[in-house]
N, C-alpha and C. Protein backbone atom coordinates (compact mmCIF):
# COMPACT_ATOMS: atom_id res chain seq x y z
N MET A 1 19.90 -10.20 15.51
CA MET A 1 20.14 -10.07 14.10
C MET A 1 21.52 -9.53 13.96
N SER A 2 22.24 -10.02 12.89
CA SER A 2 23.44 -9.44 12.44
C SER A 2 23.20 -8.09 11.96
N ASP A 3 24.36 -7.38 11.99
CA ASP A 3 24.21 -5.84 11.53
C ASP A 3 23.63 -5.90 10.13
N HIS A 4 24.16 -6.83 9.23
CA HIS A 4 23.61 -6.76 7.90
C HIS A 4 22.12 -7.08 7.83
N ASN A 5 21.54 -7.98 8.55
CA ASN A 5 20.25 -8.39 8.52
C ASN A 5 19.38 -7.19 9.24
N THR A 6 19.92 -6.64 10.29
CA THR A 6 19.22 -5.44 10.84
C THR A 6 19.13 -4.35 9.78
N PHE A 7 20.13 -4.15 9.08
CA PHE A 7 20.07 -3.03 8.04
C PHE A 7 19.04 -3.28 7.10
N TRP A 8 19.05 -4.53 6.49
CA TRP A 8 17.92 -4.80 5.46
C TRP A 8 16.57 -4.78 6.04
N GLY A 9 16.39 -5.27 7.30
CA GLY A 9 15.01 -5.25 7.88
C GLY A 9 14.59 -3.89 8.16
N SER A 10 15.46 -2.96 8.49
CA SER A 10 15.08 -1.59 8.79
C SER A 10 14.77 -0.80 7.47
N VAL A 11 15.56 -1.20 6.39
CA VAL A 11 15.35 -0.48 5.16
C VAL A 11 13.94 -0.92 4.62
N ARG A 12 13.63 -2.19 4.74
CA ARG A 12 12.29 -2.64 4.29
C ARG A 12 11.17 -1.98 5.03
N GLN A 13 11.35 -1.86 6.44
CA GLN A 13 10.33 -1.13 7.25
C GLN A 13 10.09 0.27 6.76
N ARG A 14 11.17 0.95 6.57
CA ARG A 14 11.02 2.30 6.04
C ARG A 14 10.39 2.27 4.62
N ASP A 15 10.63 1.28 3.79
CA ASP A 15 10.12 1.16 2.43
C ASP A 15 8.60 1.01 2.55
N VAL A 16 8.06 0.23 3.54
CA VAL A 16 6.65 0.08 3.71
C VAL A 16 6.00 1.46 4.07
N LEU A 17 6.68 2.21 4.99
CA LEU A 17 6.16 3.52 5.37
C LEU A 17 6.18 4.52 4.17
N VAL A 18 7.22 4.52 3.39
CA VAL A 18 7.22 5.33 2.17
C VAL A 18 6.18 4.91 1.20
N GLY A 19 6.07 3.59 0.96
CA GLY A 19 4.98 3.13 0.07
C GLY A 19 3.62 3.53 0.55
N PHE A 20 3.25 3.41 1.90
CA PHE A 20 2.06 3.93 2.38
C PHE A 20 1.84 5.45 2.10
N GLY A 21 2.92 6.16 2.28
CA GLY A 21 2.91 7.65 2.01
C GLY A 21 2.51 7.95 0.49
N PHE A 22 3.18 7.20 -0.32
CA PHE A 22 2.99 7.34 -1.83
C PHE A 22 1.57 6.94 -2.09
N PHE A 23 1.05 5.85 -1.48
CA PHE A 23 -0.30 5.40 -1.66
C PHE A 23 -1.27 6.50 -1.29
N ALA A 24 -1.13 7.03 -0.08
CA ALA A 24 -2.09 8.15 0.38
C ALA A 24 -1.91 9.31 -0.52
N PHE A 25 -0.75 9.82 -0.82
CA PHE A 25 -0.53 11.03 -1.59
C PHE A 25 -1.13 10.85 -3.03
N ALA A 26 -0.83 9.82 -3.72
CA ALA A 26 -1.35 9.53 -4.95
C ALA A 26 -2.85 9.52 -5.13
N ASN A 27 -3.44 8.75 -4.10
CA ASN A 27 -4.86 8.69 -4.15
C ASN A 27 -5.62 9.90 -3.83
N VAL A 28 -5.02 10.74 -2.89
CA VAL A 28 -5.59 12.01 -2.58
C VAL A 28 -5.61 12.91 -3.82
N LEU A 29 -4.45 12.86 -4.62
CA LEU A 29 -4.26 13.66 -5.87
C LEU A 29 -5.44 13.18 -6.88
N LEU A 30 -5.60 11.88 -6.95
CA LEU A 30 -6.61 11.35 -7.86
C LEU A 30 -8.00 11.72 -7.45
N LEU A 31 -8.25 11.71 -6.15
CA LEU A 31 -9.59 12.25 -5.62
C LEU A 31 -9.73 13.75 -5.93
N GLY A 32 -8.66 14.48 -5.77
CA GLY A 32 -8.83 15.79 -6.19
C GLY A 32 -9.13 16.03 -7.66
N ILE A 33 -8.57 15.24 -8.49
CA ILE A 33 -8.81 15.29 -9.91
C ILE A 33 -10.29 15.06 -10.12
N VAL A 34 -10.79 13.93 -9.44
CA VAL A 34 -12.32 13.49 -9.65
C VAL A 34 -13.13 14.76 -9.18
N ALA A 35 -12.73 15.32 -7.96
CA ALA A 35 -13.52 16.43 -7.39
C ALA A 35 -13.55 17.58 -8.42
N LEU A 36 -12.40 17.90 -8.93
CA LEU A 36 -12.28 19.10 -9.91
C LEU A 36 -13.01 18.80 -11.19
N ALA A 37 -12.96 17.59 -11.62
CA ALA A 37 -13.55 17.14 -12.99
C ALA A 37 -14.96 16.77 -12.79
N ASN A 38 -15.58 16.87 -11.70
CA ASN A 38 -16.91 16.33 -11.45
C ASN A 38 -17.83 16.92 -12.45
N ASP A 39 -17.73 18.32 -12.56
CA ASP A 39 -18.64 18.95 -13.45
C ASP A 39 -18.55 18.52 -14.98
N VAL A 40 -17.32 18.30 -15.29
CA VAL A 40 -17.12 17.84 -16.67
C VAL A 40 -17.76 16.40 -16.91
N VAL A 41 -17.51 15.49 -15.97
CA VAL A 41 -18.03 14.14 -16.07
C VAL A 41 -19.54 14.18 -15.95
N ALA A 42 -20.08 15.02 -14.98
CA ALA A 42 -21.56 15.03 -14.76
C ALA A 42 -22.23 15.58 -16.02
N SER A 43 -21.64 16.44 -16.72
CA SER A 43 -22.35 16.99 -17.93
C SER A 43 -21.94 16.30 -19.26
N GLY A 44 -21.79 14.88 -19.08
CA GLY A 44 -21.54 14.09 -20.21
C GLY A 44 -20.11 14.12 -20.72
N GLY A 45 -19.16 14.14 -19.83
CA GLY A 45 -17.71 14.09 -20.19
C GLY A 45 -17.39 12.93 -20.99
N SER A 46 -16.14 12.98 -21.49
CA SER A 46 -15.57 12.06 -22.43
C SER A 46 -15.40 10.66 -21.69
N SER A 47 -15.93 9.69 -22.36
CA SER A 47 -15.85 8.33 -21.78
C SER A 47 -14.44 7.85 -22.00
N GLY A 48 -13.67 8.37 -22.98
CA GLY A 48 -12.25 8.02 -23.21
C GLY A 48 -11.48 8.54 -22.16
N VAL A 49 -11.69 9.72 -21.55
CA VAL A 49 -10.94 10.26 -20.47
C VAL A 49 -11.29 9.40 -19.32
N GLN A 50 -12.55 9.02 -19.01
CA GLN A 50 -12.92 8.14 -17.86
C GLN A 50 -12.09 6.78 -17.92
N VAL A 51 -12.04 6.20 -19.13
CA VAL A 51 -11.29 4.95 -19.25
C VAL A 51 -9.87 5.14 -18.95
N ALA A 52 -9.28 6.22 -19.47
CA ALA A 52 -7.87 6.45 -19.28
C ALA A 52 -7.64 6.71 -17.71
N PHE A 53 -8.51 7.47 -17.11
CA PHE A 53 -8.37 7.72 -15.69
C PHE A 53 -8.50 6.33 -14.92
N ALA A 54 -9.42 5.50 -15.33
CA ALA A 54 -9.68 4.17 -14.64
C ALA A 54 -8.30 3.34 -14.80
N ILE A 55 -7.81 3.32 -16.00
CA ILE A 55 -6.51 2.62 -16.16
C ILE A 55 -5.49 3.11 -15.28
N ILE A 56 -5.31 4.45 -15.17
CA ILE A 56 -4.28 5.05 -14.23
C ILE A 56 -4.64 4.63 -12.84
N VAL A 57 -5.88 4.66 -12.38
CA VAL A 57 -6.20 4.30 -10.89
C VAL A 57 -5.93 2.82 -10.78
N VAL A 58 -6.33 2.01 -11.60
CA VAL A 58 -6.03 0.49 -11.39
C VAL A 58 -4.53 0.26 -11.47
N GLY A 59 -3.84 0.79 -12.49
CA GLY A 59 -2.41 0.45 -12.56
C GLY A 59 -1.59 0.96 -11.45
N LEU A 60 -1.87 2.23 -11.00
CA LEU A 60 -1.11 2.90 -10.03
C LEU A 60 -1.32 2.18 -8.57
N ASN A 61 -2.65 1.83 -8.42
CA ASN A 61 -2.96 1.17 -7.09
C ASN A 61 -2.42 -0.26 -7.09
N PHE A 62 -2.40 -0.91 -8.22
CA PHE A 62 -1.74 -2.29 -8.29
C PHE A 62 -0.27 -2.18 -8.00
N MET A 63 0.40 -1.28 -8.51
CA MET A 63 1.83 -1.13 -8.41
C MET A 63 2.03 -0.77 -6.86
N LEU A 64 1.29 0.18 -6.30
CA LEU A 64 1.51 0.51 -4.89
C LEU A 64 1.18 -0.63 -3.97
N TRP A 65 0.14 -1.52 -4.38
CA TRP A 65 -0.13 -2.67 -3.55
C TRP A 65 1.03 -3.66 -3.59
N LEU A 66 1.69 -3.80 -4.75
CA LEU A 66 2.72 -4.77 -4.85
C LEU A 66 3.88 -4.26 -4.05
N TRP A 67 4.17 -2.90 -3.98
CA TRP A 67 5.28 -2.35 -3.25
C TRP A 67 5.00 -2.58 -1.75
N ASN A 68 3.81 -2.31 -1.23
CA ASN A 68 3.50 -2.39 0.17
C ASN A 68 3.49 -3.87 0.58
N ASP A 69 2.92 -4.74 -0.15
CA ASP A 69 2.77 -6.13 0.05
C ASP A 69 4.17 -6.83 0.15
N SER A 70 5.00 -6.55 -0.79
CA SER A 70 6.31 -7.14 -0.86
C SER A 70 7.13 -6.55 0.33
N GLY A 71 7.02 -5.31 0.70
CA GLY A 71 7.68 -4.78 1.91
C GLY A 71 7.28 -5.40 3.17
N ILE A 72 5.96 -5.71 3.38
CA ILE A 72 5.47 -6.31 4.62
C ILE A 72 5.99 -7.78 4.57
N LYS A 73 6.03 -8.44 3.44
CA LYS A 73 6.54 -9.89 3.35
C LYS A 73 7.92 -9.87 3.74
N ASP A 74 8.81 -8.98 3.28
CA ASP A 74 10.21 -8.81 3.58
C ASP A 74 10.33 -8.48 5.11
N VAL A 75 9.53 -7.69 5.67
CA VAL A 75 9.71 -7.36 7.13
C VAL A 75 9.37 -8.57 7.94
N GLN A 76 8.39 -9.40 7.50
CA GLN A 76 8.00 -10.51 8.10
C GLN A 76 9.17 -11.58 8.08
N ALA A 77 9.79 -11.70 6.95
CA ALA A 77 10.95 -12.53 6.75
C ALA A 77 12.07 -12.23 7.79
N SER A 78 12.23 -10.85 8.01
CA SER A 78 13.28 -10.46 8.93
C SER A 78 13.12 -10.99 10.34
N THR A 79 12.00 -11.42 10.70
CA THR A 79 11.76 -12.07 12.08
C THR A 79 12.53 -13.38 12.15
N LYS A 80 12.86 -14.02 11.18
CA LYS A 80 13.65 -15.23 11.22
C LYS A 80 15.15 -14.97 11.49
N ASP A 81 15.51 -13.79 11.34
CA ASP A 81 16.94 -13.34 11.50
C ASP A 81 17.22 -12.78 12.91
N ILE A 82 16.30 -12.89 13.74
CA ILE A 82 16.54 -12.37 15.09
C ILE A 82 17.52 -13.41 15.84
N ARG A 83 18.53 -12.87 16.42
CA ARG A 83 19.49 -13.73 17.06
C ARG A 83 18.81 -14.59 18.16
N ALA A 84 19.33 -15.80 18.48
CA ALA A 84 18.67 -16.73 19.41
C ALA A 84 18.61 -16.10 20.80
N GLU A 85 19.66 -15.29 21.12
CA GLU A 85 19.63 -14.74 22.47
C GLU A 85 18.64 -13.56 22.62
N ASP A 86 18.21 -13.04 21.52
CA ASP A 86 17.23 -11.97 21.57
C ASP A 86 15.80 -12.44 21.36
N ARG A 87 15.54 -13.65 21.00
CA ARG A 87 14.30 -14.15 20.64
C ARG A 87 13.37 -14.22 21.84
N ASP A 88 13.85 -14.22 23.03
CA ASP A 88 13.00 -14.30 24.28
C ASP A 88 12.58 -12.91 24.67
N LEU A 89 13.12 -11.90 24.20
CA LEU A 89 12.71 -10.44 24.60
C LEU A 89 11.35 -10.32 24.23
N ALA A 90 10.53 -9.56 25.08
CA ALA A 90 9.15 -9.24 24.82
C ALA A 90 8.96 -8.57 23.46
N ILE A 91 9.73 -7.63 23.11
CA ILE A 91 9.54 -6.90 21.90
C ILE A 91 9.93 -7.90 20.70
N SER A 92 10.79 -8.77 20.83
CA SER A 92 11.04 -9.81 19.75
C SER A 92 9.89 -10.66 19.59
N GLN A 93 9.32 -11.12 20.71
CA GLN A 93 8.15 -11.96 20.59
C GLN A 93 6.92 -11.28 19.95
N ASN A 94 6.70 -10.03 20.33
CA ASN A 94 5.64 -9.23 19.66
C ASN A 94 5.85 -9.07 18.19
N PHE A 95 7.18 -8.88 17.84
CA PHE A 95 7.48 -8.66 16.35
C PHE A 95 7.33 -9.96 15.66
N ILE A 96 7.81 -11.13 16.23
CA ILE A 96 7.66 -12.36 15.58
C ILE A 96 6.32 -12.81 15.49
N ASN A 97 5.38 -12.50 16.52
CA ASN A 97 3.97 -13.00 16.48
C ASN A 97 3.00 -11.95 15.87
N SER A 98 3.51 -10.91 15.23
CA SER A 98 2.61 -9.97 14.56
C SER A 98 1.73 -10.69 13.63
N PRO A 99 0.51 -10.20 13.39
CA PRO A 99 -0.47 -10.82 12.41
C PRO A 99 -0.08 -10.46 11.00
N TRP A 100 1.02 -10.95 10.47
CA TRP A 100 1.47 -10.61 9.17
C TRP A 100 0.51 -10.75 8.04
N ALA A 101 -0.18 -11.89 7.98
CA ALA A 101 -1.18 -12.18 6.92
C ALA A 101 -2.34 -11.19 7.17
N MET A 102 -2.70 -10.76 8.32
CA MET A 102 -3.75 -9.81 8.45
C MET A 102 -3.31 -8.44 7.85
N TYR A 103 -2.12 -8.08 8.03
CA TYR A 103 -1.47 -6.92 7.54
C TYR A 103 -1.54 -6.76 6.07
N ARG A 104 -1.15 -7.92 5.47
CA ARG A 104 -1.14 -8.01 3.98
C ARG A 104 -2.55 -8.01 3.40
N ALA A 105 -3.49 -8.81 4.08
CA ALA A 105 -4.87 -8.74 3.62
C ALA A 105 -5.49 -7.26 3.80
N LEU A 106 -5.13 -6.62 4.84
CA LEU A 106 -5.68 -5.27 5.09
C LEU A 106 -5.28 -4.30 4.03
N VAL A 107 -3.98 -4.41 3.67
CA VAL A 107 -3.41 -3.62 2.49
C VAL A 107 -4.10 -3.85 1.32
N ALA A 108 -4.40 -5.15 1.03
CA ALA A 108 -5.12 -5.47 -0.30
C ALA A 108 -6.48 -5.04 -0.25
N VAL A 109 -7.25 -5.14 0.83
CA VAL A 109 -8.62 -4.68 0.96
C VAL A 109 -8.70 -3.12 0.87
N ILE A 110 -7.88 -2.41 1.57
CA ILE A 110 -7.82 -1.04 1.46
C ILE A 110 -7.53 -0.60 0.07
N THR A 111 -6.54 -1.17 -0.52
CA THR A 111 -6.22 -0.82 -1.93
C THR A 111 -7.40 -0.99 -2.84
N VAL A 112 -7.96 -2.03 -2.84
CA VAL A 112 -9.22 -2.38 -3.71
C VAL A 112 -10.38 -1.38 -3.34
N ALA A 113 -10.55 -1.23 -2.10
CA ALA A 113 -11.64 -0.24 -1.70
C ALA A 113 -11.40 1.20 -2.19
N VAL A 114 -10.17 1.72 -2.09
CA VAL A 114 -9.93 3.12 -2.49
C VAL A 114 -9.95 3.19 -3.98
N ALA A 115 -9.37 2.21 -4.71
CA ALA A 115 -9.47 2.15 -6.21
C ALA A 115 -10.95 2.11 -6.63
N GLY A 116 -11.69 1.19 -5.98
CA GLY A 116 -13.05 1.07 -6.26
C GLY A 116 -13.94 2.27 -6.04
N GLY A 117 -13.54 3.01 -4.96
CA GLY A 117 -14.26 4.26 -4.69
C GLY A 117 -14.01 5.34 -5.76
N LEU A 118 -12.71 5.37 -6.15
CA LEU A 118 -12.39 6.34 -7.21
C LEU A 118 -13.04 6.05 -8.45
N LEU A 119 -13.09 4.75 -8.82
CA LEU A 119 -13.73 4.31 -10.18
C LEU A 119 -15.22 4.66 -10.01
N PHE A 120 -15.86 4.34 -8.83
CA PHE A 120 -17.24 4.53 -8.80
C PHE A 120 -17.57 6.07 -8.87
N ALA A 121 -16.68 6.92 -8.34
CA ALA A 121 -16.82 8.36 -8.49
C ALA A 121 -16.88 8.84 -9.87
N VAL A 122 -15.92 8.20 -10.68
CA VAL A 122 -15.74 8.68 -12.03
C VAL A 122 -16.97 8.19 -12.90
N PHE A 123 -17.27 6.86 -12.72
CA PHE A 123 -18.30 6.38 -13.61
C PHE A 123 -19.82 6.44 -13.14
N SER A 124 -20.03 7.05 -11.96
CA SER A 124 -21.43 7.18 -11.45
C SER A 124 -21.96 8.56 -11.82
């Protein structure tokens, strides 16, 4: 890869890691809110608060999914910029042949499962 393409590929790889960090941190905080507010919700808490919380959960997780999915998509695109003389290296072949569609699907499934779990905890 040229230095310019290497730079952008590495930026997007770090972006995916940061996006995952934000995803984990935000959802742990949301889970903490659910755990702390469990008594309020269990004793007939406000449905308006539950709906507002649900909107935040869905909106936040959707935005984080977009962030991570686009990062993975860009990292995948960076495989096309590997120089011809480096394409035969074992590490290049592993990178090129990574299961990108599976990574993207896994991020979507995990995001839906986490958001669904939080919503279930709030409305059950």
